[in-house]
Amino acid sequence: MTRGETMKLLALDSEDLTVISAMCQDSLLKLGDIQYLPREKRLLVAMNRFAWDADLARQQKNERRRSVLALSRVEALQARNINQENKDIVLSLLAIRFEPAAEPAGTVILEFSGGAALAAKAECIEAQLTDLGAAWSTDNRPQHDLD
């Protein structure tokens, strides 16, 4: 992708969700950027996504993009290890995974650093990742210690 291109991905199964998870790894967001709309059965997560998908020629330039992850057909939402009173708390998204129940239903889990997580009980996997605009440069590149 070039600097002006935006990404739109749709996930309807766990394989597709794995791709979205990879694109969202190391995204930063504030708790206030998360909206659960129970009447619409939707969870919206606005984030500053680290652009792991940037062209190889630009890998020395780190970029972020403003993006939204939308989960549809969400029946319930639970949080673990998240202080829900502090809307300015910054969360770092590590992975998105799916725990199946009675197919096609299950739970979409957003795992954050520090052991925090959101669990969205859903009728099925229906996720969309959409970039909202152009990328911007950042000096910071996420790194993970494997130990």
N, C-alpha and C. Protein backbone atom coordinates (compact mmCIF):
# COMPACT_ATOMS: atom_id res chain seq x y z
N MET A 1 0.84 -1.19 0.00
CA MET A 1 0.00 0.00 0.00
C MET A 1 0.87 1.24 0.00
N THR A 2 0.42 2.26 -0.66
CA THR A 2 1.14 3.52 -0.64
C THR A 2 0.53 4.42 0.41
N ARG A 3 1.23 5.51 0.70
CA ARG A 3 0.86 6.39 1.79
C ARG A 3 -0.59 6.88 1.71
N GLY A 4 -1.12 7.10 0.51
CA GLY A 4 -2.47 7.64 0.38
C GLY A 4 -3.56 6.58 0.35
N GLU A 5 -3.20 5.31 0.19
CA GLU A 5 -4.20 4.25 0.11
C GLU A 5 -4.73 3.89 1.49
N THR A 6 -5.99 3.52 1.52
CA THR A 6 -6.58 3.08 2.78
C THR A 6 -6.99 1.61 2.68
N MET A 7 -7.03 0.95 3.82
CA MET A 7 -7.35 -0.47 3.88
C MET A 7 -8.80 -0.66 4.30
N LYS A 8 -9.44 -1.66 3.70
CA LYS A 8 -10.77 -2.12 4.11
C LYS A 8 -10.73 -3.63 4.08
N LEU A 9 -10.94 -4.25 5.23
CA LEU A 9 -10.94 -5.70 5.34
C LEU A 9 -12.24 -6.17 5.98
N LEU A 10 -12.70 -7.34 5.57
CA LEU A 10 -13.90 -7.94 6.13
C LEU A 10 -13.55 -9.35 6.60
N ALA A 11 -13.99 -9.71 7.79
CA ALA A 11 -13.78 -11.06 8.34
C ALA A 11 -15.12 -11.71 8.61
N LEU A 12 -15.29 -12.92 8.03
CA LEU A 12 -16.51 -13.69 8.26
C LEU A 12 -16.20 -15.06 8.85
N ASP A 13 -14.91 -15.34 9.08
CA ASP A 13 -14.51 -16.58 9.73
C ASP A 13 -13.21 -16.34 10.50
N SER A 14 -12.76 -17.35 11.23
CA SER A 14 -11.60 -17.17 12.09
C SER A 14 -10.31 -16.92 11.30
N GLU A 15 -10.19 -17.48 10.11
CA GLU A 15 -9.01 -17.21 9.27
C GLU A 15 -8.96 -15.74 8.89
N ASP A 16 -10.10 -15.21 8.45
CA ASP A 16 -10.16 -13.78 8.10
C ASP A 16 -9.85 -12.92 9.32
N LEU A 17 -10.35 -13.31 10.48
CA LEU A 17 -10.12 -12.55 11.71
C LEU A 17 -8.64 -12.53 12.07
N THR A 18 -7.92 -13.60 11.76
CA THR A 18 -6.48 -13.66 12.01
C THR A 18 -5.75 -12.59 11.19
N VAL A 19 -6.21 -12.36 9.96
CA VAL A 19 -5.61 -11.31 9.13
C VAL A 19 -5.86 -9.94 9.74
N ILE A 20 -7.08 -9.69 10.15
CA ILE A 20 -7.40 -8.41 10.79
C ILE A 20 -6.59 -8.25 12.07
N SER A 21 -6.43 -9.31 12.84
CA SER A 21 -5.63 -9.26 14.05
C SER A 21 -4.20 -8.82 13.74
N ALA A 22 -3.62 -9.39 12.70
CA ALA A 22 -2.25 -9.02 12.32
C ALA A 22 -2.15 -7.55 11.93
N MET A 23 -3.17 -7.04 11.26
CA MET A 23 -3.15 -5.63 10.84
C MET A 23 -3.37 -4.68 12.03
N CYS A 24 -4.01 -5.19 13.09
CA CYS A 24 -4.31 -4.36 14.27
C CYS A 24 -3.26 -4.49 15.37
N GLN A 25 -2.32 -5.42 15.23
CA GLN A 25 -1.33 -5.63 16.28
C GLN A 25 -0.60 -4.32 16.56
N ASP A 26 -0.47 -4.00 17.82
CA ASP A 26 0.23 -2.80 18.31
C ASP A 26 -0.54 -1.51 18.06
N SER A 27 -1.84 -1.61 17.80
CA SER A 27 -2.66 -0.41 17.70
C SER A 27 -2.80 0.22 19.08
N LEU A 28 -2.87 1.53 19.11
CA LEU A 28 -3.06 2.27 20.35
C LEU A 28 -4.42 2.95 20.33
N LEU A 29 -5.09 2.91 21.48
CA LEU A 29 -6.39 3.54 21.58
C LEU A 29 -6.65 3.94 23.03
N LYS A 30 -7.55 4.86 23.19
CA LYS A 30 -8.02 5.23 24.52
C LYS A 30 -9.31 4.47 24.80
N LEU A 31 -9.56 4.22 26.06
CA LEU A 31 -10.79 3.53 26.44
C LEU A 31 -12.00 4.27 25.88
N GLY A 32 -11.94 5.59 25.84
CA GLY A 32 -13.03 6.40 25.30
C GLY A 32 -13.26 6.20 23.81
N ASP A 33 -12.31 5.53 23.11
CA ASP A 33 -12.45 5.25 21.68
C ASP A 33 -13.27 3.99 21.41
N ILE A 34 -13.73 3.34 22.48
CA ILE A 34 -14.51 2.11 22.35
C ILE A 34 -15.98 2.44 22.58
N GLN A 35 -16.83 2.05 21.64
CA GLN A 35 -18.27 2.27 21.76
C GLN A 35 -18.99 0.95 21.59
N TYR A 36 -19.78 0.59 22.58
CA TYR A 36 -20.64 -0.59 22.47
C TYR A 36 -22.06 -0.10 22.31
N LEU A 37 -22.71 -0.50 21.22
CA LEU A 37 -24.07 -0.09 20.91
C LEU A 37 -24.97 -1.32 20.98
N PRO A 38 -25.46 -1.66 22.19
CA PRO A 38 -26.20 -2.91 22.37
C PRO A 38 -27.47 -3.02 21.51
N ARG A 39 -28.17 -1.94 21.30
CA ARG A 39 -29.39 -1.99 20.48
C ARG A 39 -29.07 -2.34 19.03
N GLU A 40 -27.92 -1.88 18.57
CA GLU A 40 -27.50 -2.17 17.20
C GLU A 40 -26.64 -3.44 17.12
N LYS A 41 -26.33 -4.01 18.28
CA LYS A 41 -25.47 -5.19 18.37
C LYS A 41 -24.12 -4.93 17.68
N ARG A 42 -23.53 -3.77 17.97
CA ARG A 42 -22.26 -3.38 17.34
C ARG A 42 -21.25 -2.91 18.38
N LEU A 43 -20.02 -3.25 18.13
CA LEU A 43 -18.89 -2.76 18.91
C LEU A 43 -17.97 -2.03 17.95
N LEU A 44 -17.67 -0.77 18.25
CA LEU A 44 -16.79 0.05 17.43
C LEU A 44 -15.55 0.40 18.23
N VAL A 45 -14.39 0.16 17.63
CA VAL A 45 -13.12 0.45 18.29
C VAL A 45 -12.28 1.30 17.35
N ALA A 46 -12.17 2.59 17.67
CA ALA A 46 -11.31 3.49 16.89
C ALA A 46 -9.90 3.39 17.44
N MET A 47 -8.92 3.37 16.55
CA MET A 47 -7.54 3.14 17.00
C MET A 47 -6.55 3.83 16.08
N ASN A 48 -5.35 4.01 16.62
CA ASN A 48 -4.21 4.44 15.81
C ASN A 48 -3.43 3.17 15.49
N ARG A 49 -3.65 2.66 14.29
CA ARG A 49 -3.11 1.37 13.87
C ARG A 49 -1.69 1.54 13.37
N PHE A 50 -0.76 0.69 13.89
CA PHE A 50 0.59 0.68 13.34
C PHE A 50 0.51 0.01 11.98
N ALA A 51 1.06 0.65 10.95
CA ALA A 51 0.92 0.17 9.56
C ALA A 51 1.96 -0.89 9.24
N TRP A 52 1.71 -2.10 9.74
CA TRP A 52 2.60 -3.22 9.43
C TRP A 52 2.54 -3.55 7.94
N ASP A 53 1.52 -3.12 7.26
CA ASP A 53 1.31 -3.42 5.85
C ASP A 53 1.99 -2.43 4.91
N ALA A 54 2.80 -1.50 5.44
CA ALA A 54 3.47 -0.49 4.62
C ALA A 54 4.42 -1.17 3.62
N ASP A 55 4.64 -0.50 2.51
CA ASP A 55 5.55 -1.02 1.48
C ASP A 55 6.91 -1.33 2.07
N LEU A 56 7.56 -2.39 1.57
CA LEU A 56 8.88 -2.77 2.06
C LEU A 56 9.89 -1.65 1.89
N ALA A 57 9.75 -0.86 0.84
CA ALA A 57 10.69 0.24 0.60
C ALA A 57 10.63 1.29 1.70
N ARG A 58 9.52 1.34 2.40
CA ARG A 58 9.35 2.35 3.44
C ARG A 58 9.49 1.77 4.84
N GLN A 59 9.94 0.55 4.99
CA GLN A 59 9.98 -0.08 6.30
C GLN A 59 10.78 0.70 7.32
N GLN A 60 11.77 1.48 6.88
CA GLN A 60 12.51 2.28 7.84
C GLN A 60 11.69 3.47 8.34
N LYS A 61 10.60 3.78 7.66
CA LYS A 61 9.68 4.82 8.12
C LYS A 61 8.50 4.15 8.79
N ASN A 62 8.32 4.44 10.06
CA ASN A 62 7.20 3.87 10.81
C ASN A 62 5.98 4.75 10.62
N GLU A 63 4.83 4.12 10.41
CA GLU A 63 3.60 4.86 10.16
C GLU A 63 2.45 4.33 10.99
N ARG A 64 1.53 5.21 11.29
CA ARG A 64 0.27 4.85 11.91
C ARG A 64 -0.86 5.41 11.07
N ARG A 65 -2.03 4.78 11.20
CA ARG A 65 -3.23 5.23 10.51
C ARG A 65 -4.40 5.21 11.48
N ARG A 66 -5.29 6.15 11.37
CA ARG A 66 -6.52 6.13 12.16
C ARG A 66 -7.45 5.12 11.49
N SER A 67 -7.90 4.15 12.27
CA SER A 67 -8.72 3.06 11.75
C SER A 67 -9.85 2.76 12.71
N VAL A 68 -10.85 2.06 12.20
CA VAL A 68 -11.97 1.61 13.03
C VAL A 68 -12.19 0.12 12.80
N LEU A 69 -12.29 -0.61 13.91
CA LEU A 69 -12.69 -2.01 13.88
C LEU A 69 -14.15 -2.04 14.29
N ALA A 70 -14.99 -2.63 13.44
CA ALA A 70 -16.42 -2.75 13.74
C ALA A 70 -16.78 -4.22 13.84
N LEU A 71 -17.32 -4.61 14.97
CA LEU A 71 -17.82 -5.97 15.16
C LEU A 71 -19.35 -5.89 15.17
N SER A 72 -19.98 -6.71 14.35
CA SER A 72 -21.44 -6.74 14.27
C SER A 72 -21.97 -8.00 14.93
N ARG A 73 -23.26 -7.97 15.24
CA ARG A 73 -23.98 -9.11 15.83
C ARG A 73 -23.44 -9.47 17.21
N VAL A 74 -23.03 -8.44 17.95
CA VAL A 74 -22.52 -8.60 19.31
C VAL A 74 -23.67 -8.61 20.30
N GLU A 75 -23.76 -9.66 21.08
CA GLU A 75 -24.86 -9.83 22.03
C GLU A 75 -24.53 -9.34 23.43
N ALA A 76 -23.24 -9.37 23.79
CA ALA A 76 -22.82 -8.94 25.13
C ALA A 76 -21.33 -8.58 25.08
N LEU A 77 -20.92 -7.74 26.01
CA LEU A 77 -19.52 -7.33 26.08
C LEU A 77 -19.06 -7.38 27.53
N GLN A 78 -17.90 -7.97 27.75
CA GLN A 78 -17.29 -8.03 29.08
C GLN A 78 -15.87 -7.49 29.00
N ALA A 79 -15.42 -6.87 30.10
CA ALA A 79 -14.06 -6.34 30.18
C ALA A 79 -13.31 -7.02 31.31
N ARG A 80 -12.00 -7.21 31.12
CA ARG A 80 -11.15 -7.77 32.16
C ARG A 80 -9.93 -6.87 32.33
N ASN A 81 -9.63 -6.51 33.58
CA ASN A 81 -8.45 -5.71 33.92
C ASN A 81 -8.41 -4.36 33.20
N ILE A 82 -9.58 -3.74 33.05
CA ILE A 82 -9.67 -2.41 32.45
C ILE A 82 -10.41 -1.50 33.40
N ASN A 83 -9.77 -0.40 33.82
CA ASN A 83 -10.40 0.59 34.68
C ASN A 83 -11.37 1.40 33.82
N GLN A 84 -12.64 1.08 33.89
CA GLN A 84 -13.62 1.68 33.01
C GLN A 84 -14.00 3.11 33.40
N GLU A 85 -13.51 3.57 34.53
CA GLU A 85 -13.77 4.95 34.95
C GLU A 85 -12.86 5.94 34.23
N ASN A 86 -11.68 5.49 33.82
CA ASN A 86 -10.69 6.37 33.20
C ASN A 86 -10.75 6.25 31.69
N LYS A 87 -11.51 7.11 31.04
CA LYS A 87 -11.70 7.06 29.58
C LYS A 87 -10.44 7.45 28.82
N ASP A 88 -9.45 8.06 29.51
CA ASP A 88 -8.21 8.46 28.85
C ASP A 88 -7.11 7.42 28.94
N ILE A 89 -7.38 6.30 29.60
CA ILE A 89 -6.37 5.25 29.71
C ILE A 89 -6.03 4.75 28.30
N VAL A 90 -4.73 4.56 28.04
CA VAL A 90 -4.27 4.11 26.72
C VAL A 90 -4.10 2.60 26.75
N LEU A 91 -4.68 1.93 25.76
CA LEU A 91 -4.59 0.48 25.62
C LEU A 91 -3.79 0.16 24.37
N SER A 92 -2.97 -0.87 24.45
CA SER A 92 -2.20 -1.35 23.31
C SER A 92 -2.75 -2.72 22.91
N LEU A 93 -3.33 -2.79 21.72
CA LEU A 93 -3.96 -4.02 21.24
C LEU A 93 -2.90 -5.00 20.75
N LEU A 94 -2.89 -6.18 21.31
CA LEU A 94 -1.91 -7.19 20.92
C LEU A 94 -2.46 -8.18 19.91
N ALA A 95 -3.70 -8.62 20.09
CA ALA A 95 -4.26 -9.64 19.21
C ALA A 95 -5.78 -9.66 19.31
N ILE A 96 -6.39 -10.22 18.27
CA ILE A 96 -7.83 -10.47 18.24
C ILE A 96 -7.98 -11.95 17.92
N ARG A 97 -8.77 -12.64 18.73
CA ARG A 97 -8.95 -14.07 18.48
C ARG A 97 -10.41 -14.44 18.69
N PHE A 98 -10.75 -15.63 18.23
CA PHE A 98 -12.13 -16.11 18.31
C PHE A 98 -12.17 -17.43 19.05
N GLU A 99 -13.05 -17.49 20.06
CA GLU A 99 -13.31 -18.74 20.78
C GLU A 99 -14.69 -19.21 20.39
N PRO A 100 -14.78 -20.29 19.61
CA PRO A 100 -16.10 -20.75 19.15
C PRO A 100 -16.93 -21.34 20.28
N ALA A 101 -18.24 -21.23 20.12
CA ALA A 101 -19.21 -21.86 21.03
C ALA A 101 -20.04 -22.76 20.13
N ALA A 102 -21.35 -22.65 20.18
CA ALA A 102 -22.22 -23.39 19.27
C ALA A 102 -22.14 -22.69 17.91
N GLU A 103 -21.43 -23.31 16.96
CA GLU A 103 -21.18 -22.68 15.66
C GLU A 103 -22.45 -22.12 15.05
N PRO A 104 -22.43 -20.95 14.48
CA PRO A 104 -21.27 -20.11 14.23
C PRO A 104 -20.99 -19.12 15.36
N ALA A 105 -21.70 -19.21 16.46
CA ALA A 105 -21.53 -18.27 17.57
C ALA A 105 -20.21 -18.49 18.29
N GLY A 106 -19.83 -17.49 19.07
CA GLY A 106 -18.62 -17.58 19.86
C GLY A 106 -18.28 -16.23 20.46
N THR A 107 -17.04 -16.10 20.89
CA THR A 107 -16.59 -14.87 21.53
C THR A 107 -15.37 -14.33 20.80
N VAL A 108 -15.45 -13.06 20.40
CA VAL A 108 -14.31 -12.36 19.81
C VAL A 108 -13.59 -11.68 20.97
N ILE A 109 -12.32 -12.01 21.15
CA ILE A 109 -11.55 -11.47 22.27
C ILE A 109 -10.48 -10.52 21.75
N LEU A 110 -10.50 -9.30 22.28
CA LEU A 110 -9.47 -8.32 21.99
C LEU A 110 -8.52 -8.32 23.18
N GLU A 111 -7.28 -8.73 22.96
CA GLU A 111 -6.29 -8.83 24.03
C GLU A 111 -5.37 -7.62 23.98
N PHE A 112 -5.22 -6.98 25.14
CA PHE A 112 -4.38 -5.79 25.26
C PHE A 112 -3.18 -6.10 26.16
N SER A 113 -2.17 -5.26 26.10
CA SER A 113 -1.02 -5.43 26.97
C SER A 113 -1.46 -5.30 28.43
N GLY A 114 -0.68 -5.88 29.32
CA GLY A 114 -0.98 -5.80 30.74
C GLY A 114 -2.09 -6.72 31.20
N GLY A 115 -2.49 -7.66 30.37
CA GLY A 115 -3.53 -8.61 30.76
C GLY A 115 -4.95 -8.10 30.61
N ALA A 116 -5.13 -6.94 30.01
CA ALA A 116 -6.47 -6.40 29.79
C ALA A 116 -7.10 -7.08 28.57
N ALA A 117 -8.43 -7.18 28.57
CA ALA A 117 -9.12 -7.81 27.44
C ALA A 117 -10.57 -7.37 27.39
N LEU A 118 -11.12 -7.42 26.18
CA LEU A 118 -12.55 -7.27 25.95
C LEU A 118 -13.04 -8.55 25.30
N ALA A 119 -14.17 -9.06 25.77
CA ALA A 119 -14.76 -10.27 25.21
C ALA A 119 -16.14 -9.92 24.69
N ALA A 120 -16.29 -10.03 23.36
CA ALA A 120 -17.56 -9.72 22.71
C ALA A 120 -18.24 -11.03 22.30
N LYS A 121 -19.30 -11.38 23.03
CA LYS A 121 -20.07 -12.58 22.68
C LYS A 121 -20.87 -12.23 21.42
N ALA A 122 -20.71 -13.06 20.37
CA ALA A 122 -21.31 -12.72 19.08
C ALA A 122 -22.05 -13.91 18.49
N GLU A 123 -23.07 -13.59 17.70
CA GLU A 123 -23.83 -14.62 16.98
C GLU A 123 -22.95 -15.34 15.97
N CYS A 124 -21.98 -14.61 15.41
CA CYS A 124 -21.05 -15.14 14.43
C CYS A 124 -19.93 -14.11 14.25
N ILE A 125 -18.91 -14.47 13.48
CA ILE A 125 -17.85 -13.51 13.18
C ILE A 125 -18.31 -12.61 12.04
N GLU A 126 -18.35 -11.33 12.33
CA GLU A 126 -18.62 -10.32 11.31
C GLU A 126 -17.86 -9.07 11.73
N ALA A 127 -16.64 -8.95 11.21
CA ALA A 127 -15.75 -7.85 11.60
C ALA A 127 -15.29 -7.10 10.37
N GLN A 128 -15.12 -5.80 10.54
CA GLN A 128 -14.66 -4.95 9.46
C GLN A 128 -13.59 -4.02 10.00
N LEU A 129 -12.46 -3.93 9.29
CA LEU A 129 -11.40 -2.98 9.63
C LEU A 129 -11.30 -1.98 8.50
N THR A 130 -11.42 -0.71 8.83
CA THR A 130 -11.41 0.35 7.82
C THR A 130 -10.48 1.47 8.25
N ASP A 131 -9.54 1.83 7.36
CA ASP A 131 -8.70 3.00 7.59
C ASP A 131 -9.52 4.25 7.27
N LEU A 132 -9.34 5.27 8.09
CA LEU A 132 -10.13 6.49 7.91
C LEU A 132 -9.41 7.59 7.14
N GLY A 133 -8.10 7.43 6.95
CA GLY A 133 -7.37 8.48 6.24
C GLY A 133 -5.93 8.10 6.01
N ALA A 134 -5.17 9.08 5.62
CA ALA A 134 -3.76 8.88 5.27
C ALA A 134 -2.92 8.53 6.51
N ALA A 135 -1.78 7.95 6.23
CA ALA A 135 -0.83 7.59 7.30
C ALA A 135 -0.05 8.81 7.76
N TRP A 136 0.49 8.73 8.98
CA TRP A 136 1.42 9.74 9.46
C TRP A 136 2.64 9.02 10.03
N SER A 137 3.76 9.71 10.02
CA SER A 137 5.01 9.12 10.50
C SER A 137 5.07 9.12 12.01
N THR A 138 5.76 8.11 12.53
CA THR A 138 6.00 8.02 13.97
C THR A 138 7.44 7.54 14.17
N ASP A 139 8.07 8.03 15.22
CA ASP A 139 9.45 7.61 15.52
C ASP A 139 9.48 6.26 16.21
N ASN A 140 8.36 5.85 16.76
CA ASN A 140 8.33 4.62 17.57
C ASN A 140 7.88 3.42 16.75
N ARG A 141 8.66 2.35 16.84
CA ARG A 141 8.30 1.07 16.22
C ARG A 141 8.08 0.07 17.35
N PRO A 142 6.92 -0.56 17.41
CA PRO A 142 6.65 -1.52 18.48
C PRO A 142 7.66 -2.66 18.48
N GLN A 143 8.09 -3.04 19.68
CA GLN A 143 9.00 -4.18 19.86
C GLN A 143 8.45 -5.02 20.99
N HIS A 144 8.65 -6.33 20.87
CA HIS A 144 8.15 -7.25 21.89
C HIS A 144 9.26 -8.18 22.33
N ASP A 145 9.47 -8.25 23.64
CA ASP A 145 10.40 -9.21 24.18
C ASP A 145 9.71 -10.57 24.20
N LEU A 146 10.38 -11.58 23.70
CA LEU A 146 9.78 -12.89 23.63
C LEU A 146 9.99 -13.69 24.90
N ASP A 147 10.76 -13.18 25.85
CA ASP A 147 11.00 -13.88 27.12
C ASP A 147 9.98 -13.51 28.15
